[in-house]
Every structure is written in C-alpha cells, then in structure tokens.
Amino acid sequence: MQGQKTEANVVNYNSSLSACEKAFSWVQSAEMFDCMAMVMVEADLITYSALANAVEAKGYWRTAVDINFQLRERGLQADVVLGNTVISATEKGNQWTVAISLLDQMSLSHLKRTEITVNSVISACEKGLQWKQAESLLFIRPPGYGSGQLHIAADTFAYNSVMSVYEECSLWMHGLSALSLMSSKHVRADVVTFTSSIGACEWEHCYELLHVMPGHRVLPNVVAMSSAISSAEKGDQWELALCTLALMLKLKVSPNDVSFNSAIIACARGGKWELALHLLEKMMDLHLAPDLFTGTSTVWALETTGEWQQALDFLECMPQTRAKPNVFGCASDVNICERQGDWQKGSRLINILSQVAMLRI
C-alpha cells in the first residue's frame, strides 16, 4: 500500500510539473521539485524531464545541465528526449563546447542520437562560429549501430546551420561545395540555404546563384537579393548591383532600404552620381530612407566629379531623411570650398551643417 501511495504522489507531482512546464513557469517547477524532496517523494525520469523542459524554454543551460547531472547521481538513466532537451538548452545559451560534451556523453551511455540531437549541436556550433565542428557533425554515425548501417542523414536544417556559419566566416567556397553536396545527397535546398550561400559568396557567384534558385523551385526573396546587391557593392560592381535591383522588380520582389542603399553606394563608388541620385529619388518615393553611408557616399561621388551644386542641394535635403551627414565629410567639403576661394558655397555648407547638428534622430 505504501508503494502505491508513493507512486500516486509521484504521478500527481509530475502532472503538476508538466502543467508548470506548459505555462513556462520554471520557478514554480523548481519550487515543486524542492517540495517533493521535503515530503520524501522520490523523483523519477518524468520528473526530471519536465523540470528540464521548463528551464530549457528559458535557455537556462547551466540549470539544465545540473538537472541531467542530478539524474545520473540518483542512478537513473536519461533517455534521448531528456538528452535532446539539455542539448537544446546549451544551444540557446551559445555553449557549443558543452553541447558537444553532452553528445559524447549520450554516446557513452548508448543512447541513440537522432536528427534533433545532432541538429541542436550543429546549431550551437553555428552560433559559436565553429565551422569545422559544425561541418564534421553533418555525417556523424549514431552509436550502437552496426558497421553496415548508414549515417544519420543530414537534413535541410543541418545544412542551413553549416551554411550560415560559412557565411559568417566568409567561407564562400565551402558554401558552394555544401550546396553541390546537398544536390548529390538529394537534400532539398530552401531559400535560407541559398541566402546563406549568397551571403558567403564573392560577387562573381551571387548573380549566378539567384538564377539557379528557380530551378530548385525556390524563389529569391528580398533578403537573398539584397545580399547579392550588397556583395556587388563590396566588389565595386555597380552594373551588377543595378542588374540585381532590376531583377528584383522583374520578379516582383519589393526592394527594401538595404537593397537601395547598397545599390546607391555601388553607383556612387563607381562615379555614377546621376544613377545614385535617381535611385535616391526612387527610394524616397517608396518611403524608404537612405542611411548615413548612402548619403556620405553620394556626397563623395558628387564631390569627386565636381558636381558642387548637386552636392549642396543633396546636403540640404538630407536633414529630412535618416541620412544624417557625416560631420567630417561636411567639414572636408567646407575646406575644399575655402581652398578654391568659393566662400559663398562654403558659407552655405556651414549653414547646412549647423542645421544637421541640431537634428535629432
């Protein structure tokens, strides 16, 4: 009878813990767990799993790892669900080393690792910019399987995480190789895959990737296309930036401020101030505001081509936008006016600079 009573208490507490978990009330879960110890109710695997789920939702990775440790200290065997929960908490806490350690621990405990397990560890490595670790986990062999068994098949999520870290580390050749590998492994590439590839690539390959996407039944979105324009801008390829912007309009993808800003900067750096001003006008017609770098680059382009009147006119309208002029840029323009003996333009520029200084953004 006593054993039945204890079992009933454990079931009741576990139900309450589950309710707290679903309500994201990890504090109440912890208090209930402490209460169980006070009334001599022995926690089981379900208890620890419910508590781990509650803290995982908040990203409290240290607490999740401690729960896993306490479980083992009690002589209980964790299952793959609890293992995945703890690893997920370390991922949210950007603790890639701990995630890998827990993965190894699951192997030693002969727990079958699933796609969820490996994907969480890969995602943790991605957040820690550990591209080699993430890459090696794409083809991990689950423990306890015979030598003739296949590896865990990496899915789209796993590849996207690896592609993302390639992008962050500017490993564009690795990104293209991974994209090719996905095709050979019959893993579907989605818009996130291509966006990361474009973000990692040099400008020469970005435009090509945009044209390849429809063949994979993936339509380019504003993020992918803006990333391609940004890459063209960094490579001083103003014509390619404009082609990509035109492609956006053709595909009925609405450009955003990043799209226009990158294209304008590319034109300005290429000395195409007429195109830069035209794009600025289009941008403002769409109620998008140029940023500081766009404005500074446009003024610089006008300055270097001797278009002083255009530069001054543009500076006068800048306070109406977010493109607050750079003080040093304006001061440089004033000095050049002074050297050329054009005191009227210099005085006008100082007046503009004064208006900008009073502008609050």
Protein backbone atom coordinates (compact mmCIF):
# COMPACT_ATOMS: atom_id res chain seq x y z
CA MET A 1 0.00 0.00 0.00
CA GLN A 2 2.79 2.38 0.88
CA GLY A 3 4.40 1.80 -2.51
CA GLN A 4 1.11 2.56 -4.24
CA LYS A 5 0.73 5.76 -2.26
CA THR A 6 4.24 6.94 -3.21
CA GLU A 7 3.59 6.15 -6.86
CA ALA A 8 0.38 8.16 -6.78
CA ASN A 9 2.21 11.13 -5.27
CA VAL A 10 4.88 10.98 -7.97
CA VAL A 11 2.21 10.90 -10.66
CA ASN A 12 0.43 13.87 -9.10
CA TYR A 13 3.61 15.90 -8.80
CA ASN A 14 4.65 15.04 -12.35
CA SER A 15 1.27 16.20 -13.65
CA SER A 16 1.68 19.48 -11.79
CA LEU A 17 5.23 19.89 -13.09
CA SER A 18 4.00 19.25 -16.62
CA ALA A 19 1.37 21.97 -16.18
CA CYS A 20 4.02 24.42 -14.96
CA GLU A 21 6.24 23.50 -17.90
CA LYS A 22 3.47 24.21 -20.41
CA ALA A 23 2.84 27.55 -18.68
CA PHE A 24 6.59 28.35 -18.94
CA SER A 25 6.70 28.73 -15.14
CA TRP A 26 10.13 27.31 -14.40
CA VAL A 27 10.27 28.97 -10.96
CA GLN A 28 7.11 27.15 -9.88
CA SER A 29 8.55 23.95 -11.35
CA ALA A 30 11.69 24.32 -9.27
CA GLU A 31 9.67 25.04 -6.12
CA MET A 32 7.54 21.96 -6.72
CA PHE A 33 10.66 19.85 -7.26
CA ASP A 34 12.05 21.05 -3.90
CA CYS A 35 8.71 20.32 -2.28
CA MET A 36 8.91 16.72 -3.49
CA ALA A 37 12.19 16.27 -1.65
CA MET A 38 10.72 17.77 1.53
CA VAL A 39 7.78 15.34 1.59
CA MET A 40 10.03 12.38 0.72
CA VAL A 41 8.55 11.78 -2.73
CA GLU A 42 11.21 10.31 -4.96
CA ALA A 43 11.56 11.96 -8.36
CA ASP A 44 11.69 9.79 -11.47
CA LEU A 45 12.75 10.31 -15.09
CA ILE A 46 9.46 12.01 -15.93
CA THR A 47 10.02 14.48 -13.08
CA TYR A 48 13.49 15.43 -14.26
CA SER A 49 12.35 15.66 -17.88
CA ALA A 50 9.51 18.04 -17.00
CA LEU A 51 11.87 20.22 -14.97
CA ALA A 52 14.46 20.21 -17.77
CA ASN A 53 11.81 21.24 -20.31
CA ALA A 54 10.80 24.17 -18.10
CA VAL A 55 14.34 25.56 -17.82
CA GLU A 56 15.18 24.79 -21.48
CA ALA A 57 12.34 27.05 -22.61
CA LYS A 58 14.07 29.90 -20.77
CA GLY A 59 17.53 29.00 -22.08
CA TYR A 60 18.95 28.32 -18.63
CA TRP A 61 21.58 25.89 -19.80
CA ARG A 62 23.50 25.62 -16.52
CA THR A 63 20.36 24.54 -14.68
CA ALA A 64 19.51 22.06 -17.43
CA VAL A 65 22.99 20.51 -17.25
CA ASP A 66 22.73 20.36 -13.45
CA ILE A 67 19.37 18.54 -13.72
CA ASN A 68 20.99 16.00 -16.03
CA PHE A 69 23.84 15.55 -13.52
CA GLN A 70 21.45 15.10 -10.59
CA LEU A 71 19.54 12.47 -12.54
CA ARG A 72 22.70 10.43 -13.05
CA GLU A 73 23.75 10.90 -9.44
CA ARG A 74 20.47 9.30 -8.44
CA GLY A 75 21.31 6.28 -10.56
CA LEU A 76 18.61 7.00 -13.12
CA GLN A 77 19.20 6.57 -16.84
CA ALA A 78 18.41 9.55 -19.05
CA ASP A 79 16.57 8.90 -22.30
CA VAL A 80 17.10 10.55 -25.69
CA VAL A 81 14.27 13.03 -25.07
CA LEU A 82 15.91 14.41 -21.92
CA GLY A 83 19.30 14.41 -23.64
CA ASN A 84 17.90 16.44 -26.53
CA THR A 85 16.28 18.88 -24.12
CA VAL A 86 19.53 19.57 -22.26
CA ILE A 87 21.49 19.95 -25.51
CA SER A 88 18.82 22.35 -26.80
CA ALA A 89 19.30 24.47 -23.67
CA THR A 90 23.06 24.67 -24.29
CA GLU A 91 22.38 25.67 -27.88
CA LYS A 92 20.18 28.54 -26.72
CA GLY A 93 22.92 29.53 -24.30
CA ASN A 94 25.57 29.54 -27.08
CA GLN A 95 27.56 26.82 -25.32
CA TRP A 96 28.87 24.73 -28.19
CA THR A 97 31.61 23.01 -26.15
CA VAL A 98 29.08 21.83 -23.57
CA ALA A 99 26.74 20.65 -26.34
CA ILE A 100 29.48 18.52 -27.90
CA SER A 101 30.39 17.13 -24.46
CA LEU A 102 26.76 16.11 -23.88
CA LEU A 103 26.65 14.49 -27.32
CA ASP A 104 29.69 12.40 -26.38
CA GLN A 105 28.05 11.57 -23.07
CA MET A 106 25.00 10.24 -24.89
CA SER A 107 27.29 8.01 -26.93
CA LEU A 108 28.94 6.57 -23.81
CA SER A 109 25.50 5.92 -22.34
CA HIS A 110 24.49 4.05 -25.51
CA LEU A 111 21.66 6.48 -26.19
CA LYS A 112 20.57 6.65 -29.79
CA ARG A 113 21.25 10.09 -31.21
CA THR A 114 18.59 11.45 -33.54
CA GLU A 115 18.45 14.21 -36.14
CA ILE A 116 17.16 16.53 -33.42
CA THR A 117 20.19 15.74 -31.26
CA VAL A 118 22.76 16.37 -33.97
CA ASN A 119 20.97 19.41 -35.40
CA SER A 120 20.93 21.09 -31.98
CA VAL A 121 24.68 20.57 -31.58
CA ILE A 122 25.34 21.83 -35.12
CA SER A 123 23.22 24.90 -34.38
CA ALA A 124 25.23 25.51 -31.18
CA CYS A 125 28.48 25.29 -33.20
CA GLU A 126 26.99 27.70 -35.75
CA LYS A 127 26.29 30.28 -33.07
CA GLY A 128 29.83 29.86 -31.80
CA LEU A 129 31.22 30.28 -35.35
CA GLN A 130 32.84 26.85 -35.08
CA TRP A 131 32.54 25.87 -38.73
CA LYS A 132 34.86 22.87 -38.58
CA GLN A 133 32.94 21.32 -35.69
CA ALA A 134 29.61 22.01 -37.41
CA GLU A 135 30.87 20.55 -40.67
CA SER A 136 32.13 17.36 -39.02
CA LEU A 137 28.73 16.76 -37.41
CA LEU A 138 26.93 16.58 -40.76
CA PHE A 139 27.89 12.93 -41.13
CA ILE A 140 28.03 11.65 -37.55
CA ARG A 141 27.48 7.88 -37.06
CA PRO A 142 24.96 7.02 -34.35
CA PRO A 143 26.34 4.79 -31.54
CA GLY A 144 25.22 1.22 -31.12
CA TYR A 145 24.60 0.75 -34.82
CA GLY A 146 26.29 -1.98 -36.85
CA SER A 147 29.14 -1.06 -39.16
CA GLY A 148 26.88 -1.71 -42.13
CA GLN A 149 24.37 0.92 -41.06
CA LEU A 150 24.15 4.31 -42.71
CA HIS A 151 25.00 7.63 -41.09
CA ILE A 152 22.29 9.90 -39.79
CA ALA A 153 21.11 11.67 -42.93
CA ALA A 154 21.76 15.39 -42.64
CA ASP A 155 18.57 17.32 -43.37
CA THR A 156 17.96 20.82 -44.70
CA PHE A 157 18.12 22.36 -41.21
CA ALA A 158 21.55 20.84 -40.56
CA TYR A 159 22.94 22.07 -43.87
CA ASN A 160 21.45 25.52 -43.35
CA SER A 161 23.18 25.81 -39.97
CA VAL A 162 26.51 24.88 -41.54
CA MET A 163 25.89 27.24 -44.47
CA SER A 164 25.14 30.03 -42.02
CA VAL A 165 28.46 29.64 -40.23
CA TYR A 166 30.21 29.54 -43.63
CA GLU A 167 28.57 32.87 -44.38
CA GLU A 168 29.65 34.38 -41.06
CA CYS A 169 33.23 33.18 -41.63
CA SER A 170 33.24 34.29 -45.31
CA LEU A 171 33.98 30.75 -46.50
CA TRP A 172 32.26 31.08 -49.86
CA MET A 173 33.99 28.09 -51.48
CA HIS A 174 32.83 25.86 -48.64
CA GLY A 175 29.32 27.21 -49.10
CA LEU A 176 29.26 26.35 -52.80
CA SER A 177 30.67 22.88 -52.09
CA ALA A 178 27.99 22.25 -49.47
CA LEU A 179 25.29 23.40 -51.89
CA SER A 180 26.59 20.97 -54.51
CA LEU A 181 26.74 18.20 -51.89
CA MET A 182 23.11 18.80 -50.93
CA SER A 183 22.10 18.24 -54.53
CA SER A 184 24.07 14.98 -54.78
CA LYS A 185 22.59 13.77 -51.47
CA HIS A 186 19.08 14.72 -52.62
CA VAL A 187 18.65 17.14 -49.71
CA ARG A 188 16.31 19.96 -50.66
CA ALA A 189 17.82 23.42 -50.58
CA ASP A 190 15.41 26.15 -49.48
CA VAL A 191 15.52 29.94 -49.53
CA VAL A 192 17.57 30.00 -46.30
CA THR A 193 20.17 27.73 -47.91
CA PHE A 194 20.58 29.97 -50.95
CA THR A 195 20.51 33.17 -48.91
CA SER A 196 23.39 31.94 -46.75
CA SER A 197 25.30 30.81 -49.87
CA ILE A 198 24.84 34.21 -51.49
CA GLY A 199 25.89 35.95 -48.28
CA ALA A 200 29.09 33.90 -48.17
CA CYS A 201 29.95 34.23 -51.87
CA GLU A 202 32.03 36.72 -53.76
CA TRP A 203 30.07 38.89 -56.18
CA GLU A 204 31.00 36.72 -59.19
CA HIS A 205 28.81 33.85 -57.97
CA CYS A 206 25.89 35.70 -56.38
CA TYR A 207 24.08 36.57 -59.59
CA GLU A 208 24.52 33.01 -60.84
CA LEU A 209 23.00 31.59 -57.64
CA LEU A 210 19.98 33.86 -57.99
CA HIS A 211 19.31 32.42 -61.45
CA VAL A 212 19.81 28.84 -60.20
CA MET A 213 17.22 29.18 -57.42
CA PRO A 214 14.07 28.84 -59.60
CA GLY A 215 15.45 25.55 -60.94
CA HIS A 216 15.32 24.25 -57.37
CA ARG A 217 11.75 25.51 -57.02
CA VAL A 218 12.94 28.25 -54.71
CA LEU A 219 12.02 31.88 -55.42
CA PRO A 220 14.57 34.53 -54.39
CA ASN A 221 13.32 36.72 -51.56
CA VAL A 222 14.26 40.26 -50.57
CA VAL A 223 16.97 39.06 -48.15
CA ALA A 224 18.73 36.91 -50.77
CA MET A 225 18.59 39.60 -53.45
CA SER A 226 19.64 42.40 -51.09
CA SER A 227 22.57 40.24 -50.02
CA ALA A 228 23.57 39.85 -53.68
CA ILE A 229 23.39 43.63 -54.22
CA SER A 230 25.49 44.18 -51.11
CA SER A 231 28.08 41.72 -52.43
CA ALA A 232 28.19 43.58 -55.76
CA GLU A 233 28.61 46.85 -53.89
CA LYS A 234 31.56 45.49 -51.88
CA GLY A 235 33.13 44.30 -55.13
CA ASP A 236 32.68 47.73 -56.73
CA GLN A 237 30.35 46.24 -59.34
CA TRP A 238 27.75 48.95 -59.79
CA GLU A 239 26.37 47.46 -63.03
CA LEU A 240 25.75 44.09 -61.37
CA ALA A 241 24.11 45.84 -58.42
CA LEU A 242 21.70 47.60 -60.80
CA CYS A 243 21.02 44.36 -62.71
CA THR A 244 20.10 42.63 -59.47
CA LEU A 245 17.88 45.51 -58.42
CA ALA A 246 16.16 45.33 -61.83
CA LEU A 247 15.74 41.58 -61.40
CA MET A 248 14.02 42.19 -58.07
CA LEU A 249 11.45 44.39 -59.78
CA LYS A 250 11.03 41.85 -62.58
CA LEU A 251 10.33 39.08 -60.05
CA LYS A 252 8.02 41.43 -58.14
CA VAL A 253 10.19 41.30 -55.04
CA SER A 254 9.84 44.63 -53.24
CA PRO A 255 13.27 46.19 -52.56
CA ASN A 256 13.94 47.37 -49.01
CA ASP A 257 16.28 50.02 -47.66
CA VAL A 258 19.24 47.60 -47.72
CA SER A 259 18.63 46.90 -51.43
CA PHE A 260 18.60 50.57 -52.37
CA ASN A 261 21.37 51.66 -50.01
CA SER A 262 23.78 49.03 -51.37
CA ALA A 263 22.92 49.87 -55.00
CA ILE A 264 23.30 53.60 -54.39
CA ILE A 265 26.67 53.16 -52.68
CA ALA A 266 27.82 50.93 -55.56
CA CYS A 267 26.87 53.64 -58.09
CA ALA A 268 28.47 56.37 -56.00
CA ARG A 269 31.73 54.46 -55.73
CA GLY A 270 31.64 53.91 -59.47
CA GLY A 271 31.33 57.65 -60.03
CA LYS A 272 27.81 57.29 -61.41
CA TRP A 273 26.31 60.11 -59.43
CA GLU A 274 23.35 60.53 -61.82
CA LEU A 275 22.29 56.94 -61.19
CA ALA A 276 22.87 57.33 -57.46
CA LEU A 277 20.60 60.37 -57.31
CA HIS A 278 17.99 58.63 -59.46
CA LEU A 279 17.93 55.67 -57.09
CA LEU A 280 17.72 58.01 -54.11
CA GLU A 281 14.66 59.60 -55.65
CA LYS A 282 13.07 56.21 -56.29
CA MET A 283 13.92 55.13 -52.79
CA MET A 284 12.21 58.09 -51.19
CA ASP A 285 9.18 57.65 -53.48
CA LEU A 286 8.78 54.24 -51.84
CA HIS A 287 9.02 55.89 -48.40
CA LEU A 288 12.39 54.29 -47.71
CA ALA A 289 15.07 56.42 -46.10
CA PRO A 290 18.77 56.43 -47.07
CA ASP A 291 21.24 55.79 -44.26
CA LEU A 292 24.42 57.61 -43.26
CA PHE A 293 26.73 55.61 -45.55
CA THR A 294 24.43 56.13 -48.53
CA GLY A 295 24.38 59.88 -48.01
CA THR A 296 28.11 60.14 -47.38
CA SER A 297 28.95 58.05 -50.46
CA THR A 298 26.64 60.10 -52.66
CA VAL A 299 28.15 63.38 -51.48
CA TRP A 300 31.63 61.94 -52.04
CA ALA A 301 30.71 60.90 -55.60
CA LEU A 302 29.33 64.35 -56.38
CA GLU A 303 32.37 66.00 -54.84
CA THR A 304 34.93 63.95 -56.78
CA THR A 305 33.15 64.59 -60.10
CA GLY A 306 32.99 68.33 -59.45
CA GLU A 307 29.21 68.46 -59.09
CA TRP A 308 29.24 71.00 -56.25
CA GLN A 309 25.78 72.37 -56.82
CA GLN A 310 24.29 68.87 -56.79
CA ALA A 311 26.23 68.05 -53.60
CA LEU A 312 24.97 71.14 -51.82
CA ASP A 313 21.39 70.56 -52.96
CA PHE A 314 21.60 66.99 -51.73
CA LEU A 315 23.02 68.03 -48.36
CA GLU A 316 20.16 70.46 -47.90
CA CYS A 317 17.60 67.69 -48.25
CA MET A 318 19.46 65.18 -46.09
CA PRO A 319 18.08 66.50 -42.75
CA GLN A 320 14.64 65.37 -43.97
CA THR A 321 15.89 61.77 -44.05
CA ARG A 322 17.76 59.37 -41.75
CA ALA A 323 20.91 60.07 -43.77
CA LYS A 324 22.43 62.48 -41.29
CA PRO A 325 25.62 63.76 -42.99
CA ASN A 326 28.97 62.89 -41.53
CA VAL A 327 30.44 65.93 -39.78
CA PHE A 328 33.93 65.19 -41.03
CA GLY A 329 32.65 64.80 -44.60
CA CYS A 330 30.91 68.17 -44.49
CA ALA A 331 33.92 69.81 -42.85
CA SER A 332 36.10 68.43 -45.65
CA ASP A 333 33.77 69.95 -48.23
CA VAL A 334 33.95 73.31 -46.46
CA ASN A 335 37.76 73.18 -46.54
CA ILE A 336 37.78 72.43 -50.27
CA CYS A 337 35.42 75.34 -50.90
CA GLU A 338 37.81 77.52 -48.91
CA ARG A 339 40.85 76.39 -50.91
CA GLN A 340 39.01 77.13 -54.15
CA GLY A 341 38.10 80.56 -52.88
CA ASP A 342 34.38 79.89 -53.11
CA TRP A 343 33.36 81.45 -49.80
CA GLN A 344 29.66 81.57 -50.75
CA LYS A 345 29.44 77.79 -51.17
CA GLY A 346 31.50 77.30 -48.02
CA SER A 347 29.18 79.58 -46.04
CA ARG A 348 26.14 77.78 -47.40
CA LEU A 349 27.63 74.42 -46.43
CA ILE A 350 28.35 75.63 -42.89
CA ASN A 351 24.71 76.70 -42.59
CA ILE A 352 23.61 73.21 -43.72
CA LEU A 353 26.00 71.62 -41.22
CA SER A 354 24.50 73.74 -38.44
CA GLN A 355 21.00 72.53 -39.32
CA VAL A 356 22.21 68.92 -39.32
CA ALA A 357 23.89 69.35 -35.92
CA MET A 358 20.55 70.40 -34.43
CA LEU A 359 18.76 67.43 -35.99
CA ARG A 360 17.77 64.70 -33.58
CA ILE A 361 17.44 61.17 -34.99
